[in-house]
Amino acid sequence: MKKVILASASQRRSELLNMLIGPVFEVVISSYDEKTIADLTPADLVMYHSREKAADVAGKMEEGIIISADTVVVYDGDVMGKPVDAADAAKMLKKMRGKKIQAISGITVMDVATGKQITEHEVTDIWMREMSDSFIRKYIDTGETEGKAGAFAIQGKGAILVERSEGDFYNVVGLPLFRLSKMLEKFGINVLDNNCY
């Protein structure tokens, strides 16, 4: 039996991990402060953040398998962060409408006791629909843009902003479940065996 710790305050990540392994994990929120590091690519940035979150939580634990993740939305090489307000959300959505964007997640799995650690990343391509200014305003009025990378939530009403996607859908939500399951296998956790607590 292995103790699993999710190093995230994200309700969405908790729901996805629960879907994968059941309600058998503990949530320990990382105090690591994410900042953009100019010389890192978006993929390297999210992997760096996921590693730092895992290391921060590992410092508070004596044992357990830590799972941490970081997700960004990227358009034309630029990271689209979380909007600071409605005007910022509108600016992001106008920039991305009718365009192809990417959701990139960095994910780290770490065994606190042994120090073994794996960090990988997942990319999902997303084609955004064309949107009028009034459509964008109405979407912002739903409140879904708040605290969301790229100013939309694909698992909510934001689903209608996405014409199509290619890759792991759950990666866009914030936790690439297929890749995570393969990573957990390397730590002796098979999600079908239910061998964690």
N, C-alpha and C. Protein backbone atom coordinates (compact mmCIF):
# COMPACT_ATOMS: atom_id res chain seq x y z
N MET A 1 0.85 -1.20 0.00
CA MET A 1 0.00 0.00 0.00
C MET A 1 0.88 1.24 0.00
N LYS A 2 0.58 2.15 -0.87
CA LYS A 2 1.37 3.38 -0.96
C LYS A 2 0.46 4.58 -0.72
N LYS A 3 0.95 5.49 0.09
CA LYS A 3 0.22 6.71 0.36
C LYS A 3 0.44 7.68 -0.79
N VAL A 4 -0.64 8.24 -1.33
CA VAL A 4 -0.56 9.17 -2.46
C VAL A 4 -0.95 10.57 -1.99
N ILE A 5 -0.15 11.55 -2.37
CA ILE A 5 -0.39 12.95 -2.01
C ILE A 5 -0.52 13.77 -3.27
N LEU A 6 -1.59 14.53 -3.39
CA LEU A 6 -1.75 15.46 -4.50
C LEU A 6 -1.30 16.84 -4.04
N ALA A 7 -0.26 17.37 -4.67
CA ALA A 7 0.28 18.67 -4.28
C ALA A 7 -0.40 19.76 -5.10
N SER A 8 -1.69 19.96 -4.86
CA SER A 8 -2.44 20.94 -5.64
C SER A 8 -3.68 21.40 -4.89
N ALA A 9 -3.97 22.69 -5.05
CA ALA A 9 -5.20 23.25 -4.47
C ALA A 9 -6.36 23.16 -5.47
N SER A 10 -6.08 22.66 -6.68
CA SER A 10 -7.08 22.65 -7.75
C SER A 10 -8.16 21.60 -7.51
N GLN A 11 -9.40 22.06 -7.44
CA GLN A 11 -10.52 21.14 -7.30
C GLN A 11 -10.63 20.22 -8.52
N ARG A 12 -10.32 20.78 -9.68
CA ARG A 12 -10.39 19.98 -10.91
C ARG A 12 -9.39 18.83 -10.87
N ARG A 13 -8.17 19.09 -10.40
CA ARG A 13 -7.18 18.02 -10.33
C ARG A 13 -7.59 16.96 -9.30
N SER A 14 -8.16 17.40 -8.19
CA SER A 14 -8.65 16.44 -7.19
C SER A 14 -9.72 15.53 -7.79
N GLU A 15 -10.64 16.12 -8.54
CA GLU A 15 -11.71 15.33 -9.16
C GLU A 15 -11.15 14.34 -10.17
N LEU A 16 -10.16 14.77 -10.96
CA LEU A 16 -9.58 13.88 -11.95
C LEU A 16 -8.79 12.74 -11.30
N LEU A 17 -8.03 13.06 -10.25
CA LEU A 17 -7.26 12.01 -9.58
C LEU A 17 -8.21 11.02 -8.89
N ASN A 18 -9.30 11.54 -8.34
CA ASN A 18 -10.32 10.69 -7.72
C ASN A 18 -10.90 9.73 -8.76
N MET A 19 -11.09 10.23 -9.98
CA MET A 19 -11.61 9.42 -11.07
C MET A 19 -10.63 8.29 -11.41
N LEU A 20 -9.33 8.58 -11.30
CA LEU A 20 -8.30 7.63 -11.69
C LEU A 20 -8.03 6.59 -10.60
N ILE A 21 -7.87 7.03 -9.35
CA ILE A 21 -7.47 6.07 -8.29
C ILE A 21 -8.48 5.97 -7.15
N GLY A 22 -9.53 6.77 -7.19
CA GLY A 22 -10.51 6.75 -6.10
C GLY A 22 -10.13 7.74 -5.01
N PRO A 23 -10.99 7.87 -4.00
CA PRO A 23 -10.76 8.88 -2.94
C PRO A 23 -9.75 8.41 -1.90
N VAL A 24 -8.58 8.00 -2.38
CA VAL A 24 -7.59 7.38 -1.50
C VAL A 24 -6.32 8.21 -1.39
N PHE A 25 -6.44 9.49 -1.65
CA PHE A 25 -5.24 10.34 -1.60
C PHE A 25 -5.48 11.52 -0.67
N GLU A 26 -4.37 12.10 -0.27
CA GLU A 26 -4.39 13.27 0.61
C GLU A 26 -4.01 14.49 -0.22
N VAL A 27 -4.61 15.61 0.05
CA VAL A 27 -4.24 16.85 -0.63
C VAL A 27 -3.37 17.68 0.30
N VAL A 28 -2.18 18.02 -0.15
CA VAL A 28 -1.28 18.90 0.59
C VAL A 28 -0.91 20.03 -0.36
N ILE A 29 -1.37 21.21 -0.07
CA ILE A 29 -1.18 22.34 -0.98
C ILE A 29 0.25 22.87 -0.89
N SER A 30 0.86 23.01 -2.04
CA SER A 30 2.22 23.54 -2.11
C SER A 30 2.20 25.05 -1.87
N SER A 31 3.22 25.53 -1.18
CA SER A 31 3.36 26.97 -0.97
C SER A 31 4.32 27.59 -1.99
N TYR A 32 4.73 26.79 -2.96
CA TYR A 32 5.63 27.29 -4.02
C TYR A 32 4.92 28.36 -4.83
N ASP A 33 5.62 29.46 -5.08
CA ASP A 33 5.06 30.59 -5.80
C ASP A 33 5.51 30.53 -7.27
N GLU A 34 4.56 30.24 -8.16
CA GLU A 34 4.89 30.12 -9.59
C GLU A 34 5.20 31.49 -10.18
N LYS A 35 6.31 31.54 -10.90
CA LYS A 35 6.65 32.76 -11.63
C LYS A 35 7.15 32.35 -13.01
N THR A 36 6.88 33.17 -14.00
CA THR A 36 7.38 32.89 -15.35
C THR A 36 8.89 33.11 -15.38
N ILE A 37 9.59 32.15 -15.95
CA ILE A 37 11.04 32.26 -16.07
C ILE A 37 11.34 32.46 -17.55
N ALA A 38 11.86 33.60 -17.88
CA ALA A 38 11.95 34.07 -19.26
C ALA A 38 12.68 33.12 -20.21
N ASP A 39 13.74 32.48 -19.75
CA ASP A 39 14.54 31.70 -20.68
C ASP A 39 14.09 30.25 -20.83
N LEU A 40 12.94 29.88 -20.26
CA LEU A 40 12.42 28.52 -20.38
C LEU A 40 11.31 28.46 -21.42
N THR A 41 11.28 27.38 -22.20
CA THR A 41 10.16 27.15 -23.11
C THR A 41 8.92 26.85 -22.27
N PRO A 42 7.70 26.97 -22.83
CA PRO A 42 6.51 26.63 -22.05
C PRO A 42 6.55 25.22 -21.46
N ALA A 43 7.04 24.24 -22.24
CA ALA A 43 7.11 22.86 -21.73
C ALA A 43 8.10 22.76 -20.57
N ASP A 44 9.25 23.39 -20.71
CA ASP A 44 10.24 23.37 -19.62
C ASP A 44 9.73 24.12 -18.40
N LEU A 45 8.97 25.18 -18.63
CA LEU A 45 8.43 25.97 -17.53
C LEU A 45 7.46 25.15 -16.68
N VAL A 46 6.51 24.46 -17.32
CA VAL A 46 5.53 23.69 -16.54
C VAL A 46 6.19 22.51 -15.84
N MET A 47 7.21 21.93 -16.46
CA MET A 47 7.93 20.83 -15.78
C MET A 47 8.70 21.37 -14.58
N TYR A 48 9.30 22.54 -14.74
CA TYR A 48 10.02 23.17 -13.63
C TYR A 48 9.07 23.44 -12.46
N HIS A 49 7.92 24.05 -12.77
CA HIS A 49 6.94 24.35 -11.71
C HIS A 49 6.45 23.08 -11.03
N SER A 50 6.19 22.03 -11.80
CA SER A 50 5.68 20.80 -11.18
C SER A 50 6.75 20.19 -10.26
N ARG A 51 8.01 20.24 -10.68
CA ARG A 51 9.09 19.72 -9.82
C ARG A 51 9.20 20.51 -8.53
N GLU A 52 9.12 21.85 -8.65
CA GLU A 52 9.25 22.70 -7.45
C GLU A 52 8.08 22.50 -6.49
N LYS A 53 6.87 22.32 -7.03
CA LYS A 53 5.71 22.05 -6.17
C LYS A 53 5.90 20.73 -5.42
N ALA A 54 6.36 19.71 -6.13
CA ALA A 54 6.59 18.40 -5.49
C ALA A 54 7.66 18.50 -4.41
N ALA A 55 8.74 19.21 -4.71
CA ALA A 55 9.85 19.35 -3.74
C ALA A 55 9.37 20.10 -2.50
N ASP A 56 8.54 21.12 -2.70
CA ASP A 56 8.01 21.89 -1.57
C ASP A 56 7.19 21.01 -0.64
N VAL A 57 6.31 20.20 -1.21
CA VAL A 57 5.46 19.32 -0.40
C VAL A 57 6.28 18.19 0.21
N ALA A 58 7.27 17.69 -0.52
CA ALA A 58 8.12 16.60 0.00
C ALA A 58 8.83 17.03 1.28
N GLY A 59 9.14 18.31 1.39
CA GLY A 59 9.80 18.82 2.58
C GLY A 59 8.93 18.77 3.82
N LYS A 60 7.63 18.57 3.64
CA LYS A 60 6.69 18.50 4.77
C LYS A 60 6.30 17.06 5.11
N MET A 61 6.77 16.09 4.30
CA MET A 61 6.34 14.71 4.46
C MET A 61 7.51 13.79 4.76
N GLU A 62 7.21 12.64 5.37
CA GLU A 62 8.24 11.63 5.61
C GLU A 62 8.15 10.49 4.61
N GLU A 63 6.96 10.31 4.03
CA GLU A 63 6.77 9.24 3.06
C GLU A 63 5.61 9.59 2.14
N GLY A 64 5.47 8.80 1.11
CA GLY A 64 4.35 8.98 0.20
C GLY A 64 4.79 9.24 -1.23
N ILE A 65 3.85 9.03 -2.14
CA ILE A 65 4.05 9.30 -3.55
C ILE A 65 3.36 10.63 -3.85
N ILE A 66 4.14 11.63 -4.21
CA ILE A 66 3.60 12.96 -4.48
C ILE A 66 3.32 13.11 -5.97
N ILE A 67 2.15 13.66 -6.26
CA ILE A 67 1.79 13.99 -7.64
C ILE A 67 1.60 15.50 -7.70
N SER A 68 2.31 16.16 -8.61
CA SER A 68 2.13 17.60 -8.78
C SER A 68 2.07 17.92 -10.26
N ALA A 69 1.39 19.00 -10.59
CA ALA A 69 1.23 19.36 -12.00
C ALA A 69 1.13 20.87 -12.16
N ASP A 70 1.43 21.31 -13.36
CA ASP A 70 1.25 22.71 -13.73
C ASP A 70 0.81 22.74 -15.18
N THR A 71 -0.20 23.53 -15.51
CA THR A 71 -0.74 23.59 -16.86
C THR A 71 -0.78 25.02 -17.35
N VAL A 72 -0.36 25.22 -18.60
CA VAL A 72 -0.47 26.54 -19.22
C VAL A 72 -1.13 26.39 -20.59
N VAL A 73 -1.71 27.49 -21.04
CA VAL A 73 -2.24 27.58 -22.39
C VAL A 73 -1.27 28.44 -23.19
N VAL A 74 -0.91 27.97 -24.39
CA VAL A 74 0.10 28.65 -25.20
C VAL A 74 -0.48 29.00 -26.56
N TYR A 75 -0.29 30.25 -26.95
CA TYR A 75 -0.67 30.68 -28.29
C TYR A 75 0.51 31.39 -28.94
N ASP A 76 0.91 30.90 -30.10
CA ASP A 76 1.99 31.51 -30.86
C ASP A 76 3.27 31.66 -30.01
N GLY A 77 3.53 30.65 -29.19
CA GLY A 77 4.73 30.64 -28.36
C GLY A 77 4.63 31.40 -27.06
N ASP A 78 3.53 32.13 -26.86
CA ASP A 78 3.35 32.92 -25.63
C ASP A 78 2.45 32.19 -24.65
N VAL A 79 2.85 32.19 -23.38
CA VAL A 79 2.04 31.59 -22.32
C VAL A 79 0.89 32.52 -21.97
N MET A 80 -0.33 31.99 -22.08
CA MET A 80 -1.52 32.74 -21.71
C MET A 80 -1.86 32.35 -20.27
N GLY A 81 -1.53 33.21 -19.34
CA GLY A 81 -1.74 32.90 -17.93
C GLY A 81 -3.19 33.04 -17.50
N LYS A 82 -3.38 33.20 -16.21
CA LYS A 82 -4.72 33.41 -15.67
C LYS A 82 -5.04 34.90 -15.78
N PRO A 83 -6.21 35.26 -16.30
CA PRO A 83 -6.52 36.69 -16.48
C PRO A 83 -6.63 37.41 -15.14
N VAL A 84 -6.15 38.65 -15.10
CA VAL A 84 -6.21 39.41 -13.85
C VAL A 84 -7.60 40.02 -13.64
N ASP A 85 -8.33 40.23 -14.74
CA ASP A 85 -9.69 40.79 -14.64
C ASP A 85 -10.44 40.49 -15.94
N ALA A 86 -11.67 40.97 -16.03
CA ALA A 86 -12.51 40.71 -17.20
C ALA A 86 -11.90 41.28 -18.48
N ALA A 87 -11.29 42.45 -18.39
CA ALA A 87 -10.69 43.07 -19.57
C ALA A 87 -9.52 42.23 -20.08
N ASP A 88 -8.75 41.69 -19.15
CA ASP A 88 -7.62 40.84 -19.53
C ASP A 88 -8.13 39.54 -20.16
N ALA A 89 -9.21 38.99 -19.62
CA ALA A 89 -9.81 37.77 -20.17
C ALA A 89 -10.29 38.03 -21.61
N ALA A 90 -10.93 39.18 -21.83
CA ALA A 90 -11.41 39.53 -23.17
C ALA A 90 -10.25 39.65 -24.15
N LYS A 91 -9.17 40.26 -23.70
CA LYS A 91 -7.99 40.43 -24.55
C LYS A 91 -7.43 39.07 -24.97
N MET A 92 -7.35 38.13 -24.01
CA MET A 92 -6.84 36.78 -24.31
C MET A 92 -7.74 36.06 -25.30
N LEU A 93 -9.04 36.08 -25.03
CA LEU A 93 -9.98 35.34 -25.89
C LEU A 93 -10.03 35.92 -27.30
N LYS A 94 -9.92 37.23 -27.41
CA LYS A 94 -9.91 37.86 -28.74
C LYS A 94 -8.65 37.45 -29.51
N LYS A 95 -7.55 37.32 -28.80
CA LYS A 95 -6.29 36.93 -29.44
C LYS A 95 -6.36 35.48 -29.93
N MET A 96 -7.06 34.62 -29.19
CA MET A 96 -7.07 33.19 -29.51
C MET A 96 -8.21 32.76 -30.42
N ARG A 97 -9.21 33.61 -30.63
CA ARG A 97 -10.38 33.18 -31.40
C ARG A 97 -10.01 32.79 -32.83
N GLY A 98 -10.54 31.64 -33.25
CA GLY A 98 -10.27 31.14 -34.59
C GLY A 98 -8.86 30.60 -34.78
N LYS A 99 -8.11 30.47 -33.69
CA LYS A 99 -6.70 30.06 -33.80
C LYS A 99 -6.46 28.70 -33.14
N LYS A 100 -5.33 28.12 -33.49
CA LYS A 100 -4.88 26.89 -32.83
C LYS A 100 -4.02 27.28 -31.63
N ILE A 101 -4.34 26.70 -30.49
CA ILE A 101 -3.56 26.93 -29.27
C ILE A 101 -3.14 25.57 -28.71
N GLN A 102 -2.38 25.59 -27.63
CA GLN A 102 -1.97 24.34 -26.99
C GLN A 102 -2.15 24.43 -25.49
N ALA A 103 -2.56 23.32 -24.90
CA ALA A 103 -2.52 23.17 -23.44
C ALA A 103 -1.32 22.29 -23.14
N ILE A 104 -0.43 22.77 -22.30
CA ILE A 104 0.78 22.01 -21.96
C ILE A 104 0.82 21.83 -20.45
N SER A 105 0.91 20.59 -20.01
CA SER A 105 1.03 20.29 -18.58
C SER A 105 2.36 19.65 -18.28
N GLY A 106 2.96 20.08 -17.19
CA GLY A 106 4.12 19.40 -16.63
C GLY A 106 3.63 18.59 -15.46
N ILE A 107 4.10 17.38 -15.33
CA ILE A 107 3.65 16.53 -14.22
C ILE A 107 4.84 15.83 -13.59
N THR A 108 4.87 15.84 -12.26
CA THR A 108 5.94 15.19 -11.51
C THR A 108 5.35 14.17 -10.56
N VAL A 109 5.98 12.99 -10.52
CA VAL A 109 5.65 11.98 -9.52
C VAL A 109 6.93 11.73 -8.74
N MET A 110 6.83 11.80 -7.41
CA MET A 110 8.01 11.69 -6.56
C MET A 110 7.73 10.77 -5.37
N ASP A 111 8.67 9.86 -5.09
CA ASP A 111 8.60 9.02 -3.90
C ASP A 111 9.44 9.70 -2.81
N VAL A 112 8.77 10.18 -1.78
CA VAL A 112 9.46 10.95 -0.73
C VAL A 112 10.54 10.11 -0.06
N ALA A 113 10.24 8.85 0.23
CA ALA A 113 11.17 8.01 0.98
C ALA A 113 12.45 7.71 0.22
N THR A 114 12.34 7.46 -1.08
CA THR A 114 13.53 7.08 -1.86
C THR A 114 14.14 8.24 -2.63
N GLY A 115 13.37 9.31 -2.83
CA GLY A 115 13.85 10.43 -3.62
C GLY A 115 13.68 10.23 -5.11
N LYS A 116 13.17 9.06 -5.52
CA LYS A 116 12.94 8.82 -6.95
C LYS A 116 11.92 9.81 -7.47
N GLN A 117 12.21 10.35 -8.65
CA GLN A 117 11.34 11.40 -9.20
C GLN A 117 11.32 11.31 -10.73
N ILE A 118 10.12 11.45 -11.30
CA ILE A 118 9.97 11.49 -12.76
C ILE A 118 9.16 12.73 -13.11
N THR A 119 9.63 13.49 -14.08
CA THR A 119 8.89 14.65 -14.57
C THR A 119 8.74 14.54 -16.08
N GLU A 120 7.51 14.71 -16.55
CA GLU A 120 7.23 14.64 -17.98
C GLU A 120 6.26 15.76 -18.34
N HIS A 121 5.97 15.90 -19.63
CA HIS A 121 4.98 16.89 -20.03
C HIS A 121 4.06 16.33 -21.11
N GLU A 122 2.89 16.89 -21.22
CA GLU A 122 1.88 16.47 -22.18
C GLU A 122 1.37 17.70 -22.93
N VAL A 123 1.16 17.54 -24.24
CA VAL A 123 0.67 18.64 -25.08
C VAL A 123 -0.63 18.23 -25.76
N THR A 124 -1.63 19.09 -25.68
CA THR A 124 -2.89 18.89 -26.40
C THR A 124 -3.13 20.09 -27.31
N ASP A 125 -3.38 19.82 -28.58
CA ASP A 125 -3.68 20.88 -29.54
C ASP A 125 -5.18 21.20 -29.49
N ILE A 126 -5.51 22.49 -29.54
CA ILE A 126 -6.90 22.94 -29.44
C ILE A 126 -7.16 23.97 -30.54
N TRP A 127 -8.25 23.78 -31.25
CA TRP A 127 -8.66 24.75 -32.25
C TRP A 127 -9.85 25.53 -31.71
N MET A 128 -9.67 26.83 -31.48
CA MET A 128 -10.71 27.68 -30.91
C MET A 128 -11.69 28.15 -32.00
N ARG A 129 -12.92 28.29 -31.66
CA ARG A 129 -13.92 28.76 -32.62
C ARG A 129 -13.77 30.25 -32.88
N GLU A 130 -14.32 30.71 -33.96
CA GLU A 130 -14.43 32.16 -34.18
C GLU A 130 -15.46 32.70 -33.19
N MET A 131 -15.18 33.85 -32.58
CA MET A 131 -16.09 34.41 -31.57
C MET A 131 -16.26 35.90 -31.79
N SER A 132 -17.48 36.38 -31.74
CA SER A 132 -17.72 37.82 -31.81
C SER A 132 -17.40 38.44 -30.46
N ASP A 133 -17.24 39.75 -30.44
CA ASP A 133 -16.98 40.44 -29.17
C ASP A 133 -18.13 40.22 -28.19
N SER A 134 -19.37 40.22 -28.68
CA SER A 134 -20.52 40.04 -27.78
C SER A 134 -20.54 38.61 -27.22
N PHE A 135 -20.16 37.62 -28.03
CA PHE A 135 -20.07 36.23 -27.56
C PHE A 135 -19.04 36.14 -26.44
N ILE A 136 -17.89 36.79 -26.63
CA ILE A 136 -16.84 36.78 -25.61
C ILE A 136 -17.32 37.43 -24.32
N ARG A 137 -18.03 38.56 -24.45
CA ARG A 137 -18.55 39.24 -23.25
C ARG A 137 -19.51 38.34 -22.47
N LYS A 138 -20.39 37.64 -23.21
CA LYS A 138 -21.35 36.75 -22.56
C LYS A 138 -20.63 35.60 -21.85
N TYR A 139 -19.58 35.08 -22.47
CA TYR A 139 -18.83 34.00 -21.82
C TYR A 139 -18.14 34.50 -20.56
N ILE A 140 -17.55 35.67 -20.62
CA ILE A 140 -16.89 36.24 -19.44
C ILE A 140 -17.90 36.44 -18.32
N ASP A 141 -19.14 36.81 -18.68
CA ASP A 141 -20.20 37.01 -17.68
C ASP A 141 -20.56 35.73 -16.92
N THR A 142 -20.21 34.55 -17.47
CA THR A 142 -20.49 33.30 -16.76
C THR A 142 -19.60 33.15 -15.53
N GLY A 143 -18.49 33.90 -15.49
CA GLY A 143 -17.55 33.79 -14.37
C GLY A 143 -16.49 32.71 -14.56
N GLU A 144 -16.60 31.96 -15.64
CA GLU A 144 -15.68 30.83 -15.84
C GLU A 144 -14.25 31.25 -16.16
N THR A 145 -14.05 32.47 -16.60
CA THR A 145 -12.70 32.88 -16.99
C THR A 145 -11.79 33.11 -15.77
N GLU A 146 -12.40 33.33 -14.62
CA GLU A 146 -11.62 33.67 -13.41
C GLU A 146 -10.76 32.49 -12.96
N GLY A 147 -9.47 32.76 -12.82
CA GLY A 147 -8.54 31.75 -12.32
C GLY A 147 -8.24 30.63 -13.29
N LYS A 148 -8.61 30.80 -14.56
CA LYS A 148 -8.38 29.76 -15.56
C LYS A 148 -7.29 30.18 -16.54
N ALA A 149 -6.29 29.30 -16.71
CA ALA A 149 -5.25 29.56 -17.71
C ALA A 149 -5.89 29.69 -19.08
N GLY A 150 -5.56 30.77 -19.78
CA GLY A 150 -6.15 30.99 -21.09
C GLY A 150 -7.56 31.53 -21.05
N ALA A 151 -8.09 31.77 -19.86
CA ALA A 151 -9.41 32.40 -19.66
C ALA A 151 -10.59 31.56 -20.15
N PHE A 152 -10.44 30.22 -20.10
CA PHE A 152 -11.61 29.39 -20.41
C PHE A 152 -11.49 28.04 -19.72
N ALA A 153 -12.65 27.42 -19.49
CA ALA A 153 -12.72 26.12 -18.82
C ALA A 153 -13.38 25.13 -19.77
N ILE A 154 -12.59 24.24 -20.36
CA ILE A 154 -13.13 23.31 -21.36
C ILE A 154 -14.15 22.34 -20.76
N GLN A 155 -14.05 22.12 -19.43
CA GLN A 155 -14.97 21.18 -18.78
C GLN A 155 -16.29 21.85 -18.39
N GLY A 156 -16.43 23.14 -18.70
CA GLY A 156 -17.67 23.86 -18.39
C GLY A 156 -18.28 24.41 -19.67
N LYS A 157 -18.87 25.61 -19.57
CA LYS A 157 -19.45 26.25 -20.75
C LYS A 157 -18.37 26.56 -21.80
N GLY A 158 -17.13 26.62 -21.34
CA GLY A 158 -16.02 26.86 -22.25
C GLY A 158 -15.86 25.77 -23.30
N ALA A 159 -16.54 24.65 -23.12
CA ALA A 159 -16.51 23.59 -24.13
C ALA A 159 -16.99 24.10 -25.48
N ILE A 160 -17.88 25.08 -25.47
CA ILE A 160 -18.41 25.58 -26.75
C ILE A 160 -17.46 26.59 -27.41
N LEU A 161 -16.36 26.90 -26.76
CA LEU A 161 -15.33 27.74 -27.37
C LEU A 161 -14.37 26.92 -28.21
N VAL A 162 -14.40 25.60 -28.00
CA VAL A 162 -13.43 24.70 -28.63
C VAL A 162 -14.08 23.96 -29.79
N GLU A 163 -13.57 24.23 -30.99
CA GLU A 163 -14.09 23.56 -32.18
C GLU A 163 -13.69 22.10 -32.19
N ARG A 164 -12.41 21.84 -31.88
CA ARG A 164 -11.93 20.47 -31.75
C ARG A 164 -10.60 20.47 -31.00
N SER A 165 -10.23 19.29 -30.54
CA SER A 165 -8.93 19.15 -29.88
C SER A 165 -8.31 17.83 -30.29
N GLU A 166 -7.00 17.77 -30.15
CA GLU A 166 -6.26 16.56 -30.52
C GLU A 166 -5.27 16.27 -29.40
N GLY A 167 -5.44 15.12 -28.78
CA GLY A 167 -4.60 14.76 -27.65
C GLY A 167 -5.45 14.45 -26.44
N ASP A 168 -4.84 14.42 -25.28
CA ASP A 168 -5.52 14.07 -24.04
C ASP A 168 -6.44 15.21 -23.58
N PHE A 169 -7.75 14.97 -23.59
CA PHE A 169 -8.72 15.97 -23.15
C PHE A 169 -8.45 16.37 -21.70
N TYR A 170 -8.16 15.39 -20.86
CA TYR A 170 -7.97 15.67 -19.43
C TYR A 170 -6.75 16.55 -19.17
N ASN A 171 -5.82 16.55 -20.11
CA ASN A 171 -4.68 17.44 -20.01
C ASN A 171 -5.13 18.89 -20.03
N VAL A 172 -6.14 19.19 -20.84
CA VAL A 172 -6.66 20.56 -20.93
C VAL A 172 -7.32 20.95 -19.61
N VAL A 173 -7.95 19.99 -18.95
CA VAL A 173 -8.61 20.24 -17.66
C VAL A 173 -7.56 20.46 -16.57
N GLY A 174 -6.38 19.82 -16.73
CA GLY A 174 -5.31 20.08 -15.77
C GLY A 174 -4.52 18.89 -15.29
N LEU A 175 -4.91 17.66 -15.72
CA LEU A 175 -4.17 16.48 -15.28
C LEU A 175 -4.25 15.39 -16.37
N PRO A 176 -3.17 15.17 -17.11
CA PRO A 176 -3.19 14.18 -18.19
C PRO A 176 -3.21 12.76 -17.62
N LEU A 177 -4.39 12.16 -17.60
CA LEU A 177 -4.58 10.91 -16.87
C LEU A 177 -3.84 9.72 -17.49
N PHE A 178 -3.79 9.64 -18.82
CA PHE A 178 -3.08 8.52 -19.43
C PHE A 178 -1.61 8.57 -19.06
N ARG A 179 -0.98 9.73 -19.26
CA ARG A 179 0.45 9.86 -18.93
C ARG A 179 0.68 9.62 -17.44
N LEU A 180 -0.18 10.15 -16.59
CA LEU A 180 -0.02 9.96 -15.14
C LEU A 180 -0.09 8.48 -14.79
N SER A 181 -1.03 7.74 -15.40
CA SER A 181 -1.15 6.31 -15.08
C SER A 181 0.13 5.56 -15.45
N LYS A 182 0.73 5.93 -16.58
CA LYS A 182 1.98 5.29 -17.00
C LYS A 182 3.13 5.64 -16.05
N MET A 183 3.14 6.87 -15.57
CA MET A 183 4.17 7.29 -14.63
C MET A 183 4.01 6.56 -13.30
N LEU A 184 2.76 6.45 -12.82
CA LEU A 184 2.52 5.77 -11.54
C LEU A 184 2.94 4.31 -11.58
N GLU A 185 2.81 3.67 -12.74
CA GLU A 185 3.24 2.28 -12.88
C GLU A 185 4.72 2.13 -12.54
N LYS A 186 5.52 3.16 -12.85
CA LYS A 186 6.96 3.11 -12.56
C LYS A 186 7.24 3.21 -11.06
N PHE A 187 6.21 3.54 -10.29
CA PHE A 187 6.34 3.60 -8.83
C PHE A 187 5.57 2.46 -8.17
N GLY A 188 5.21 1.46 -8.98
CA GLY A 188 4.51 0.29 -8.44
C GLY A 188 3.03 0.49 -8.20
N ILE A 189 2.45 1.54 -8.79
CA ILE A 189 1.02 1.80 -8.61
C ILE A 189 0.29 1.53 -9.92
N ASN A 190 -0.50 0.47 -9.93
CA ASN A 190 -1.37 0.19 -11.06
C ASN A 190 -2.76 0.65 -10.67
N VAL A 191 -3.33 1.59 -11.41
CA VAL A 191 -4.61 2.19 -11.00
C VAL A 191 -5.74 1.18 -10.97
N LEU A 192 -5.59 0.05 -11.64
CA LEU A 192 -6.62 -0.99 -11.61
C LEU A 192 -6.49 -1.91 -10.41
N ASP A 193 -5.32 -1.87 -9.75
CA ASP A 193 -5.09 -2.75 -8.58
C ASP A 193 -5.54 -2.12 -7.28
N ASN A 194 -5.75 -0.79 -7.30
CA ASN A 194 -6.18 -0.08 -6.08
C ASN A 194 -5.22 -0.32 -4.93
N ASN A 195 -3.91 -0.18 -5.20
CA ASN A 195 -2.90 -0.50 -4.18
C ASN A 195 -2.31 0.75 -3.54
N CYS A 196 -3.17 1.74 -3.33
CA CYS A 196 -2.72 2.94 -2.62
C CYS A 196 -3.79 3.33 -1.60
N TYR A 197 -3.41 4.20 -0.67
CA TYR A 197 -4.37 4.60 0.37
C TYR A 197 -4.28 6.09 0.61
